[in-house]
Amino acid sequence: PPEAVKGFASLAIGPARFLDPDTSSKLLMLVATRLDLFT
């Protein structure tokens, strides 16, 4: 659903997709993004 796409982190194949980029810390988002499956 469009409302579930809150940015590219929501489309990550990794822990970043389970975080809300509007409320999660930037540091946590950074670490979670680097744990993407393809990375």
Full PDB file with SEQRES, HELIX, SHEET, SSBOND, CRYST1, ORIGX, SCALE, CONECT and MASTER records, all heavy atoms in Angstrom:
SEQRES   1 A   39  PRO PRO GLU ALA VAL LYS GLY PHE ALA SER LEU ALA ILE          
SEQRES   2 A   39  GLY PRO ALA ARG PHE LEU ASP PRO ASP THR SER SER LYS          
SEQRES   3 A   39  LEU LEU MET LEU VAL ALA THR ARG LEU ASP LEU PHE THR          
HELIX    1 AA1 PRO A    2  ALA A    4  5                                   3    
HELIX    2 AA2 PHE A    8  LEU A   11  5                                   4    
HELIX    3 AA3 PRO A   15  PHE A   18  5                                   4    
HELIX    4 AA4 LYS A   26  ARG A   34  1                                   9    
CRYST1    1.000    1.000    1.000  90.00  90.00  90.00 P 1           1          
ORIGX1      1.000000  0.000000  0.000000        0.00000                         
ORIGX2      0.000000  1.000000  0.000000        0.00000                         
ORIGX3      0.000000  0.000000  1.000000        0.00000                         
SCALE1      1.000000  0.000000  0.000000        0.00000                         
SCALE2      0.000000  1.000000  0.000000        0.00000                         
SCALE3      0.000000  0.000000  1.000000        0.00000                         
ATOM      1  N   PRO A   1       0.842  -1.200   0.000  1.00  0.00           N  
ATOM      2  CA  PRO A   1       0.000   0.000   0.000  1.00  0.00           C  
ATOM      3  C   PRO A   1       0.875   1.247   0.000  1.00  0.00           C  
ATOM      4  O   PRO A   1       1.945   1.256   0.625  1.00  0.00           O  
ATOM      5  CB  PRO A   1      -0.806  -0.126   1.295  1.00  0.00           C  
ATOM      6  CG  PRO A   1      -0.020  -1.059   2.148  1.00  0.00           C  
ATOM      7  CD  PRO A   1       0.692  -1.997   1.223  1.00  0.00           C  
ATOM      8  N   PRO A   2       0.484   2.312  -0.699  1.00  0.00           N  
ATOM      9  CA  PRO A   2       1.315   3.509  -0.797  1.00  0.00           C  
ATOM     10  C   PRO A   2       1.728   4.077   0.560  1.00  0.00           C  
ATOM     11  O   PRO A   2       2.856   4.562   0.729  1.00  0.00           O  
ATOM     12  CB  PRO A   2       0.428   4.492  -1.561  1.00  0.00           C  
ATOM     13  CG  PRO A   2      -0.499   3.634  -2.352  1.00  0.00           C  
ATOM     14  CD  PRO A   2      -0.743   2.438  -1.506  1.00  0.00           C  
ATOM     15  N   GLU A   3       0.827   3.986   1.556  1.00  0.00           N  
ATOM     16  CA  GLU A   3       1.154   4.552   2.869  1.00  0.00           C  
ATOM     17  C   GLU A   3       2.243   3.762   3.588  1.00  0.00           C  
ATOM     18  O   GLU A   3       2.848   4.254   4.551  1.00  0.00           O  
ATOM     19  CB  GLU A   3      -0.099   4.622   3.751  1.00  0.00           C  
ATOM     20  CG  GLU A   3      -0.741   3.280   4.082  1.00  0.00           C  
ATOM     21  CD  GLU A   3      -1.742   2.822   3.036  1.00  0.00           C  
ATOM     22  OE1 GLU A   3      -1.774   3.423   1.930  1.00  0.00           O  
ATOM     23  OE2 GLU A   3      -2.494   1.874   3.326  1.00  0.00           O  
ATOM     24  N   ALA A   4       2.496   2.535   3.135  1.00  0.00           N  
ATOM     25  CA  ALA A   4       3.552   1.723   3.762  1.00  0.00           C  
ATOM     26  C   ALA A   4       4.933   2.077   3.234  1.00  0.00           C  
ATOM     27  O   ALA A   4       5.944   1.699   3.830  1.00  0.00           O  
ATOM     28  CB  ALA A   4       3.283   0.242   3.525  1.00  0.00           C  
ATOM     29  N   VAL A   5       4.987   2.805   2.116  1.00  0.00           N  
ATOM     30  CA  VAL A   5       6.268   3.189   1.525  1.00  0.00           C  
ATOM     31  C   VAL A   5       6.655   4.555   2.085  1.00  0.00           C  
ATOM     32  O   VAL A   5       6.245   5.594   1.579  1.00  0.00           O  
ATOM     33  CB  VAL A   5       6.190   3.226  -0.015  1.00  0.00           C  
ATOM     34  CG1 VAL A   5       7.560   3.577  -0.605  1.00  0.00           C  
ATOM     35  CG2 VAL A   5       5.702   1.900  -0.560  1.00  0.00           C  
ATOM     36  N   LYS A   6       7.443   4.543   3.146  1.00  0.00           N  
ATOM     37  CA  LYS A   6       7.849   5.784   3.811  1.00  0.00           C  
ATOM     38  C   LYS A   6       9.248   6.225   3.411  1.00  0.00           C  
ATOM     39  O   LYS A   6       9.890   7.000   4.105  1.00  0.00           O  
ATOM     40  CB  LYS A   6       7.777   5.593   5.331  1.00  0.00           C  
ATOM     41  CG  LYS A   6       6.369   5.299   5.831  1.00  0.00           C  
ATOM     42  CD  LYS A   6       6.334   5.188   7.345  1.00  0.00           C  
ATOM     43  CE  LYS A   6       4.922   4.960   7.842  1.00  0.00           C  
ATOM     44  NZ  LYS A   6       4.857   4.869   9.326  1.00  0.00           N  
ATOM     45  N   GLY A   7       9.713   5.707   2.293  1.00  0.00           N  
ATOM     46  CA  GLY A   7      11.050   6.016   1.809  1.00  0.00           C  
ATOM     47  C   GLY A   7      11.698   4.750   1.303  1.00  0.00           C  
ATOM     48  O   GLY A   7      11.097   3.669   1.304  1.00  0.00           O  
ATOM     49  N   PHE A   8      12.936   4.873   0.863  1.00  0.00           N  
ATOM     50  CA  PHE A   8      13.614   3.709   0.297  1.00  0.00           C  
ATOM     51  C   PHE A   8      13.972   2.682   1.359  1.00  0.00           C  
ATOM     52  O   PHE A   8      14.148   1.506   1.047  1.00  0.00           O  
ATOM     53  CB  PHE A   8      14.852   4.164  -0.478  1.00  0.00           C  
ATOM     54  CG  PHE A   8      14.511   4.810  -1.786  1.00  0.00           C  
ATOM     55  CD1 PHE A   8      14.462   6.186  -1.905  1.00  0.00           C  
ATOM     56  CD2 PHE A   8      14.199   4.044  -2.890  1.00  0.00           C  
ATOM     57  CE1 PHE A   8      14.128   6.791  -3.101  1.00  0.00           C  
ATOM     58  CE2 PHE A   8      13.857   4.632  -4.099  1.00  0.00           C  
ATOM     59  CZ  PHE A   8      13.817   6.020  -4.205  1.00  0.00           C  
ATOM     60  N   ALA A   9      14.064   3.112   2.612  1.00  0.00           N  
ATOM     61  CA  ALA A   9      14.324   2.142   3.678  1.00  0.00           C  
ATOM     62  C   ALA A   9      13.180   1.143   3.787  1.00  0.00           C  
ATOM     63  O   ALA A   9      13.391  -0.019   4.131  1.00  0.00           O  
ATOM     64  CB  ALA A   9      14.524   2.857   5.010  1.00  0.00           C  
ATOM     65  N   SER A  10      11.957   1.573   3.469  1.00  0.00           N  
ATOM     66  CA  SER A  10      10.799   0.674   3.526  1.00  0.00           C  
ATOM     67  C   SER A  10      10.873  -0.420   2.477  1.00  0.00           C  
ATOM     68  O   SER A  10      10.161  -1.419   2.572  1.00  0.00           O  
ATOM     69  CB  SER A  10       9.501   1.471   3.331  1.00  0.00           C  
ATOM     70  OG  SER A  10       9.366   2.482   4.316  1.00  0.00           O  
ATOM     71  N   LEU A  11      11.720  -0.228   1.465  1.00  0.00           N  
ATOM     72  CA  LEU A  11      11.852  -1.207   0.388  1.00  0.00           C  
ATOM     73  C   LEU A  11      13.117  -2.041   0.530  1.00  0.00           C  
ATOM     74  O   LEU A  11      13.414  -2.874  -0.329  1.00  0.00           O  
ATOM     75  CB  LEU A  11      11.860  -0.488  -0.972  1.00  0.00           C  
ATOM     76  CG  LEU A  11      10.656   0.425  -1.259  1.00  0.00           C  
ATOM     77  CD1 LEU A  11      10.850   1.138  -2.589  1.00  0.00           C  
ATOM     78  CD2 LEU A  11       9.363  -0.366  -1.252  1.00  0.00           C  
ATOM     79  N   ALA A  12      13.866  -1.827   1.605  1.00  0.00           N  
ATOM     80  CA  ALA A  12      15.105  -2.562   1.813  1.00  0.00           C  
ATOM     81  C   ALA A  12      14.818  -4.017   2.132  1.00  0.00           C  
ATOM     82  O   ALA A  12      13.789  -4.349   2.732  1.00  0.00           O  
ATOM     83  CB  ALA A  12      15.906  -1.926   2.946  1.00  0.00           C  
ATOM     84  N   ILE A  13      15.726  -4.898   1.715  1.00  0.00           N  
ATOM     85  CA  ILE A  13      15.621  -6.319   2.081  1.00  0.00           C  
ATOM     86  C   ILE A  13      16.544  -6.514   3.283  1.00  0.00           C  
ATOM     87  O   ILE A  13      17.655  -7.037   3.183  1.00  0.00           O  
ATOM     88  CB  ILE A  13      16.023  -7.232   0.913  1.00  0.00           C  
ATOM     89  CG1 ILE A  13      15.273  -6.831  -0.360  1.00  0.00           C  
ATOM     90  CG2 ILE A  13      15.745  -8.692   1.260  1.00  0.00           C  
ATOM     91  CD1 ILE A  13      13.771  -6.928  -0.262  1.00  0.00           C  
ATOM     92  N   GLY A  14      16.054  -6.063   4.420  1.00  0.00           N  
ATOM     93  CA  GLY A  14      16.872  -6.083   5.627  1.00  0.00           C  
ATOM     94  C   GLY A  14      16.140  -5.399   6.764  1.00  0.00           C  
ATOM     95  O   GLY A  14      14.962  -5.019   6.631  1.00  0.00           O  
ATOM     96  N   PRO A  15      16.811  -5.193   7.878  1.00  0.00           N  
ATOM     97  CA  PRO A  15      16.137  -4.644   9.060  1.00  0.00           C  
ATOM     98  C   PRO A  15      15.618  -3.226   8.878  1.00  0.00           C  
ATOM     99  O   PRO A  15      14.703  -2.815   9.594  1.00  0.00           O  
ATOM    100  CB  PRO A  15      17.227  -4.699  10.144  1.00  0.00           C  
ATOM    101  CG  PRO A  15      18.514  -4.795   9.408  1.00  0.00           C  
ATOM    102  CD  PRO A  15      18.212  -5.551   8.155  1.00  0.00           C  
ATOM    103  N   ALA A  16      16.158  -2.463   7.934  1.00  0.00           N  
ATOM    104  CA  ALA A  16      15.717  -1.071   7.758  1.00  0.00           C  
ATOM    105  C   ALA A  16      14.240  -0.991   7.389  1.00  0.00           C  
ATOM    106  O   ALA A  16      13.569  -0.014   7.731  1.00  0.00           O  
ATOM    107  CB  ALA A  16      16.564  -0.387   6.686  1.00  0.00           C  
ATOM    108  N   ARG A  17      13.699  -2.016   6.715  1.00  0.00           N  
ATOM    109  CA  ARG A  17      12.303  -1.965   6.287  1.00  0.00           C  
ATOM    110  C   ARG A  17      11.343  -2.022   7.478  1.00  0.00           C  
ATOM    111  O   ARG A  17      10.166  -1.661   7.355  1.00  0.00           O  
ATOM    112  CB  ARG A  17      11.995  -3.066   5.290  1.00  0.00           C  
ATOM    113  CG  ARG A  17      11.905  -4.447   5.858  1.00  0.00           C  
ATOM    114  CD  ARG A  17      11.635  -5.495   4.775  1.00  0.00           C  
ATOM    115  NE  ARG A  17      10.341  -5.325   4.134  1.00  0.00           N  
ATOM    116  CZ  ARG A  17      10.171  -5.061   2.848  1.00  0.00           C  
ATOM    117  NH1 ARG A  17      11.220  -4.954   2.056  1.00  0.00           N  
ATOM    118  NH2 ARG A  17       8.977  -4.913   2.342  1.00  0.00           N  
ATOM    119  N   PHE A  18      11.821  -2.463   8.625  1.00  0.00           N  
ATOM    120  CA  PHE A  18      10.958  -2.573   9.807  1.00  0.00           C  
ATOM    121  C   PHE A  18      11.045  -1.338  10.711  1.00  0.00           C  
ATOM    122  O   PHE A  18      10.414  -1.300  11.762  1.00  0.00           O  
ATOM    123  CB  PHE A  18      11.330  -3.824  10.601  1.00  0.00           C  
ATOM    124  CG  PHE A  18      11.247  -5.088   9.792  1.00  0.00           C  
ATOM    125  CD1 PHE A  18      12.405  -5.755   9.404  1.00  0.00           C  
ATOM    126  CD2 PHE A  18      10.022  -5.590   9.390  1.00  0.00           C  
ATOM    127  CE1 PHE A  18      12.332  -6.918   8.657  1.00  0.00           C  
ATOM    128  CE2 PHE A  18       9.947  -6.750   8.627  1.00  0.00           C  
ATOM    129  CZ  PHE A  18      11.102  -7.416   8.260  1.00  0.00           C  
ATOM    130  N   LEU A  19      11.837  -0.359  10.297  1.00  0.00           N  
ATOM    131  CA  LEU A  19      11.995   0.861  11.088  1.00  0.00           C  
ATOM    132  C   LEU A  19      11.221   2.002  10.441  1.00  0.00           C  
ATOM    133  O   LEU A  19      11.105   2.073   9.214  1.00  0.00           O  
ATOM    134  CB  LEU A  19      13.475   1.243  11.202  1.00  0.00           C  
ATOM    135  CG  LEU A  19      14.398   0.204  11.863  1.00  0.00           C  
ATOM    136  CD1 LEU A  19      15.848   0.683  11.808  1.00  0.00           C  
ATOM    137  CD2 LEU A  19      13.975  -0.070  13.297  1.00  0.00           C  
ATOM    138  N   ASP A  20      10.704   2.887  11.265  1.00  0.00           N  
ATOM    139  CA  ASP A  20      10.014   4.077  10.766  1.00  0.00           C  
ATOM    140  C   ASP A  20      11.043   5.202  10.642  1.00  0.00           C  
ATOM    141  O   ASP A  20      11.566   5.681  11.654  1.00  0.00           O  
ATOM    142  CB  ASP A  20       8.901   4.483  11.726  1.00  0.00           C  
ATOM    143  CG  ASP A  20       8.039   5.605  11.167  1.00  0.00           C  
ATOM    144  OD1 ASP A  20       8.515   6.341  10.289  1.00  0.00           O  
ATOM    145  OD2 ASP A  20       6.891   5.754  11.630  1.00  0.00           O  
ATOM    146  N   PRO A  21      11.357   5.646   9.420  1.00  0.00           N  
ATOM    147  CA  PRO A  21      12.380   6.690   9.268  1.00  0.00           C  
ATOM    148  C   PRO A  21      11.983   8.029   9.881  1.00  0.00           C  
ATOM    149  O   PRO A  21      12.844   8.875  10.115  1.00  0.00           O  
ATOM    150  CB  PRO A  21      12.540   6.801   7.748  1.00  0.00           C  
ATOM    151  CG  PRO A  21      11.276   6.252   7.184  1.00  0.00           C  
ATOM    152  CD  PRO A  21      10.823   5.190   8.136  1.00  0.00           C  
ATOM    153  N   ASP A  22      10.690   8.214  10.160  1.00  0.00           N  
ATOM    154  CA  ASP A  22      10.243   9.471  10.767  1.00  0.00           C  
ATOM    155  C   ASP A  22      10.472   9.502  12.274  1.00  0.00           C  
ATOM    156  O   ASP A  22      10.551  10.577  12.872  1.00  0.00           O  
ATOM    157  CB  ASP A  22       8.760   9.700  10.472  1.00  0.00           C  
ATOM    158  CG  ASP A  22       8.495   9.940   8.998  1.00  0.00           C  
ATOM    159  OD1 ASP A  22       9.310  10.632   8.351  1.00  0.00           O  
ATOM    160  OD2 ASP A  22       7.484   9.417   8.485  1.00  0.00           O  
ATOM    161  N   THR A  23      10.572   8.321  12.897  1.00  0.00           N  
ATOM    162  CA  THR A  23      10.715   8.281  14.352  1.00  0.00           C  
ATOM    163  C   THR A  23      12.021   7.631  14.811  1.00  0.00           C  
ATOM    164  O   THR A  23      12.460   7.863  15.928  1.00  0.00           O  
ATOM    165  CB  THR A  23       9.533   7.517  14.977  1.00  0.00           C  
ATOM    166  OG1 THR A  23       9.478   6.193  14.425  1.00  0.00           O  
ATOM    167  CG2 THR A  23       8.212   8.229  14.680  1.00  0.00           C  
ATOM    168  N   SER A  24      12.629   6.814  13.969  1.00  0.00           N  
ATOM    169  CA  SER A  24      13.875   6.144  14.353  1.00  0.00           C  
ATOM    170  C   SER A  24      15.052   7.108  14.246  1.00  0.00           C  
ATOM    171  O   SER A  24      15.046   8.038  13.429  1.00  0.00           O  
ATOM    172  CB  SER A  24      14.125   4.930  13.454  1.00  0.00           C  
ATOM    173  OG  SER A  24      13.068   3.998  13.550  1.00  0.00           O  
ATOM    174  N   SER A  25      16.065   6.871  15.058  1.00  0.00           N  
ATOM    175  CA  SER A  25      17.248   7.715  15.004  1.00  0.00           C  
ATOM    176  C   SER A  25      17.981   7.513  13.686  1.00  0.00           C  
ATOM    177  O   SER A  25      17.953   6.426  13.094  1.00  0.00           O  
ATOM    178  CB  SER A  25      18.189   7.401  16.175  1.00  0.00           C  
ATOM    179  OG  SER A  25      18.832   6.153  15.982  1.00  0.00           O  
ATOM    180  N   LYS A  26      18.649   8.557  13.241  1.00  0.00           N  
ATOM    181  CA  LYS A  26      19.388   8.473  11.982  1.00  0.00           C  
ATOM    182  C   LYS A  26      20.520   7.457  12.082  1.00  0.00           C  
ATOM    183  O   LYS A  26      20.845   6.776  11.097  1.00  0.00           O  
ATOM    184  CB  LYS A  26      19.934   9.846  11.604  1.00  0.00           C  
ATOM    185  CG  LYS A  26      18.858  10.847  11.217  1.00  0.00           C  
ATOM    186  CD  LYS A  26      19.473  12.169  10.805  1.00  0.00           C  
ATOM    187  CE  LYS A  26      18.394  13.160  10.383  1.00  0.00           C  
ATOM    188  NZ  LYS A  26      18.968  14.467   9.977  1.00  0.00           N  
ATOM    189  N   LEU A  27      21.117   7.365  13.249  1.00  0.00           N  
ATOM    190  CA  LEU A  27      22.203   6.412  13.432  1.00  0.00           C  
ATOM    191  C   LEU A  27      21.696   4.978  13.285  1.00  0.00           C  
ATOM    192  O   LEU A  27      22.323   4.150  12.614  1.00  0.00           O  
ATOM    193  CB  LEU A  27      22.856   6.605  14.797  1.00  0.00           C  
ATOM    194  CG  LEU A  27      24.017   5.661  15.134  1.00  0.00           C  
ATOM    195  CD1 LEU A  27      25.118   5.799  14.100  1.00  0.00           C  
ATOM    196  CD2 LEU A  27      24.539   5.943  16.529  1.00  0.00           C  
ATOM    197  N   LEU A  28      20.545   4.702  13.888  1.00  0.00           N  
ATOM    198  CA  LEU A  28      19.962   3.362  13.781  1.00  0.00           C  
ATOM    199  C   LEU A  28      19.594   3.061  12.334  1.00  0.00           C  
ATOM    200  O   LEU A  28      19.821   1.943  11.843  1.00  0.00           O  
ATOM    201  CB  LEU A  28      18.732   3.255  14.681  1.00  0.00           C  
ATOM    202  CG  LEU A  28      17.996   1.908  14.671  1.00  0.00           C  
ATOM    203  CD1 LEU A  28      18.931   0.797  15.124  1.00  0.00           C  
ATOM    204  CD2 LEU A  28      16.756   1.970  15.557  1.00  0.00           C  
ATOM    205  N   MET A  29      19.035   4.035  11.637  1.00  0.00           N  
ATOM    206  CA  MET A  29      18.676   3.851  10.236  1.00  0.00           C  
ATOM    207  C   MET A  29      19.915   3.587   9.395  1.00  0.00           C  
ATOM    208  O   MET A  29      19.901   2.746   8.486  1.00  0.00           O  
ATOM    209  CB  MET A  29      17.931   5.076   9.699  1.00  0.00           C  
ATOM    210  CG  MET A  29      16.541   5.287  10.283  1.00  0.00           C  
ATOM    211  SD  MET A  29      15.401   3.924   9.929  1.00  0.00           S  
ATOM    212  CE  MET A  29      15.429   3.896   8.133  1.00  0.00           C  
ATOM    213  N   LEU A  30      20.998   4.281   9.702  1.00  0.00           N  
ATOM    214  CA  LEU A  30      22.246   4.100   8.961  1.00  0.00           C  
ATOM    215  C   LEU A  30      22.760   2.669   9.103  1.00  0.00           C  
ATOM    216  O   LEU A  30      23.103   2.012   8.116  1.00  0.00           O  
ATOM    217  CB  LEU A  30      23.293   5.099   9.458  1.00  0.00           C  
ATOM    218  CG  LEU A  30      24.709   4.941   8.917  1.00  0.00           C  
ATOM    219  CD1 LEU A  30      24.733   5.166   7.413  1.00  0.00           C  
ATOM    220  CD2 LEU A  30      25.656   5.906   9.622  1.00  0.00           C  
ATOM    221  N   VAL A  31      22.807   2.182  10.340  1.00  0.00           N  
ATOM    222  CA  VAL A  31      23.298   0.821  10.588  1.00  0.00           C  
ATOM    223  C   VAL A  31      22.387  -0.203   9.925  1.00  0.00           C  
ATOM    224  O   VAL A  31      22.850  -1.155   9.277  1.00  0.00           O  
ATOM    225  CB  VAL A  31      23.405   0.555  12.099  1.00  0.00           C  
ATOM    226  CG1 VAL A  31      23.765  -0.908  12.362  1.00  0.00           C  
ATOM    227  CG2 VAL A  31      24.439   1.484  12.733  1.00  0.00           C  
ATOM    228  N   ALA A  32      21.072  -0.011  10.066  1.00  0.00           N  
ATOM    229  CA  ALA A  32      20.119  -0.964   9.490  1.00  0.00           C  
ATOM    230  C   ALA A  32      20.226  -1.000   7.970  1.00  0.00           C  
ATOM    231  O   ALA A  32      20.109  -2.060   7.354  1.00  0.00           O  
ATOM    232  CB  ALA A  32      18.701  -0.596   9.918  1.00  0.00           C  
ATOM    233  N   THR A  33      20.454   0.147   7.357  1.00  0.00           N  
ATOM    234  CA  THR A  33      20.587   0.211   5.903  1.00  0.00           C  
ATOM    235  C   THR A  33      21.808  -0.556   5.422  1.00  0.00           C  
ATOM    236  O   THR A  33      21.770  -1.232   4.390  1.00  0.00           O  
ATOM    237  CB  THR A  33      20.672   1.677   5.441  1.00  0.00           C  
ATOM    238  OG1 THR A  33      19.484   2.371   5.829  1.00  0.00           O  
ATOM    239  CG2 THR A  33      20.816   1.761   3.927  1.00  0.00           C  
ATOM    240  N   ARG A  34      22.899  -0.512   6.183  1.00  0.00           N  
ATOM    241  CA  ARG A  34      24.113  -1.225   5.794  1.00  0.00           C  
ATOM    242  C   ARG A  34      23.969  -2.735   5.960  1.00  0.00           C  
ATOM    243  O   ARG A  34      24.794  -3.491   5.466  1.00  0.00           O  
ATOM    244  CB  ARG A  34      25.316  -0.733   6.622  1.00  0.00           C  
ATOM    245  CG  ARG A  34      25.725   0.703   6.361  1.00  0.00           C  
ATOM    246  CD  ARG A  34      26.104   0.916   4.927  1.00  0.00           C  
ATOM    247  NE  ARG A  34      27.271   0.135   4.517  1.00  0.00           N  
ATOM    248  CZ  ARG A  34      27.603  -0.123   3.266  1.00  0.00           C  
ATOM    249  NH1 ARG A  34      26.829   0.287   2.277  1.00  0.00           N  
ATOM    250  NH2 ARG A  34      28.689  -0.821   2.980  1.00  0.00           N  
ATOM    251  N   LEU A  35      22.922  -3.162   6.646  1.00  0.00           N  
ATOM    252  CA  LEU A  35      22.668  -4.598   6.827  1.00  0.00           C  
ATOM    253  C   LEU A  35      21.697  -5.146   5.789  1.00  0.00           C  
ATOM    254  O   LEU A  35      21.156  -6.237   5.952  1.00  0.00           O  
ATOM    255  CB  LEU A  35      22.134  -4.860   8.236  1.00  0.00           C  
ATOM    256  CG  LEU A  35      23.127  -4.573   9.377  1.00  0.00           C  
ATOM    257  CD1 LEU A  35      22.444  -4.735  10.724  1.00  0.00           C  
ATOM    258  CD2 LEU A  35      24.350  -5.478   9.276  1.00  0.00           C  
ATOM    259  N   ASP A  36      21.489  -4.400   4.725  1.00  0.00           N  
ATOM    260  CA  ASP A  36      20.647  -4.863   3.628  1.00  0.00           C  
ATOM    261  C   ASP A  36      21.228  -6.141   3.014  1.00  0.00           C  
ATOM    262  O   ASP A  36      22.455  -6.311   2.932  1.00  0.00           O  
ATOM    263  CB  ASP A  36      20.577  -3.765   2.556  1.00  0.00           C  
ATOM    264  CG  ASP A  36      19.766  -4.193   1.344  1.00  0.00           C  
ATOM    265  OD1 ASP A  36      18.540  -4.146   1.417  1.00  0.00           O  
ATOM    266  OD2 ASP A  36      20.387  -4.582   0.335  1.00  0.00           O  
ATOM    267  N   LEU A  37      20.359  -7.049   2.599  1.00  0.00           N  
ATOM    268  CA  LEU A  37      20.789  -8.346   2.071  1.00  0.00           C  
ATOM    269  C   LEU A  37      21.797  -8.198   0.942  1.00  0.00           C  
ATOM    270  O   LEU A  37      22.830  -8.889   0.913  1.00  0.00           O  
ATOM    271  CB  LEU A  37      19.567  -9.127   1.567  1.00  0.00           C  
ATOM    272  CG  LEU A  37      19.874 -10.401   0.763  1.00  0.00           C  
ATOM    273  CD1 LEU A  37      20.587 -11.435   1.620  1.00  0.00           C  
ATOM    274  CD2 LEU A  37      18.593 -10.971   0.160  1.00  0.00           C  
ATOM    275  N   PHE A  38      21.539  -7.300   0.002  1.00  0.00           N  
ATOM    276  CA  PHE A  38      22.399  -7.196  -1.172  1.00  0.00           C  
ATOM    277  C   PHE A  38      23.714  -6.498  -0.860  1.00  0.00           C  
ATOM    278  O   PHE A  38      24.729  -6.753  -1.524  1.00  0.00           O  
ATOM    279  CB  PHE A  38      21.642  -6.507  -2.311  1.00  0.00           C  
ATOM    280  CG  PHE A  38      20.490  -7.337  -2.805  1.00  0.00           C  
ATOM    281  CD1 PHE A  38      19.199  -7.093  -2.362  1.00  0.00           C  
ATOM    282  CD2 PHE A  38      20.713  -8.398  -3.666  1.00  0.00           C  
ATOM    283  CE1 PHE A  38      18.147  -7.881  -2.800  1.00  0.00           C  
ATOM    284  CE2 PHE A  38      19.665  -9.194  -4.098  1.00  0.00           C  
ATOM    285  CZ  PHE A  38      18.375  -8.936  -3.663  1.00  0.00           C  
ATOM    286  N   THR A  39      23.725  -5.648   0.144  1.00  0.00           N  
ATOM    287  CA  THR A  39      24.984  -5.070   0.597  1.00  0.00           C  
ATOM    288  C   THR A  39      25.853  -6.139   1.244  1.00  0.00           C  
ATOM    289  O   THR A  39      27.060  -6.228   0.982  1.00  0.00           O  
ATOM    290  CB  THR A  39      24.722  -3.927   1.597  1.00  0.00           C  
ATOM    291  OG1 THR A  39      23.946  -2.905   0.953  1.00  0.00           O  
ATOM    292  CG2 THR A  39      26.029  -3.314   2.093  1.00  0.00           C  
TER     293      THR A  39                                                      
MASTER        0    0    0    4    0    0    0    6  292    1    0    3          
END                                                                             
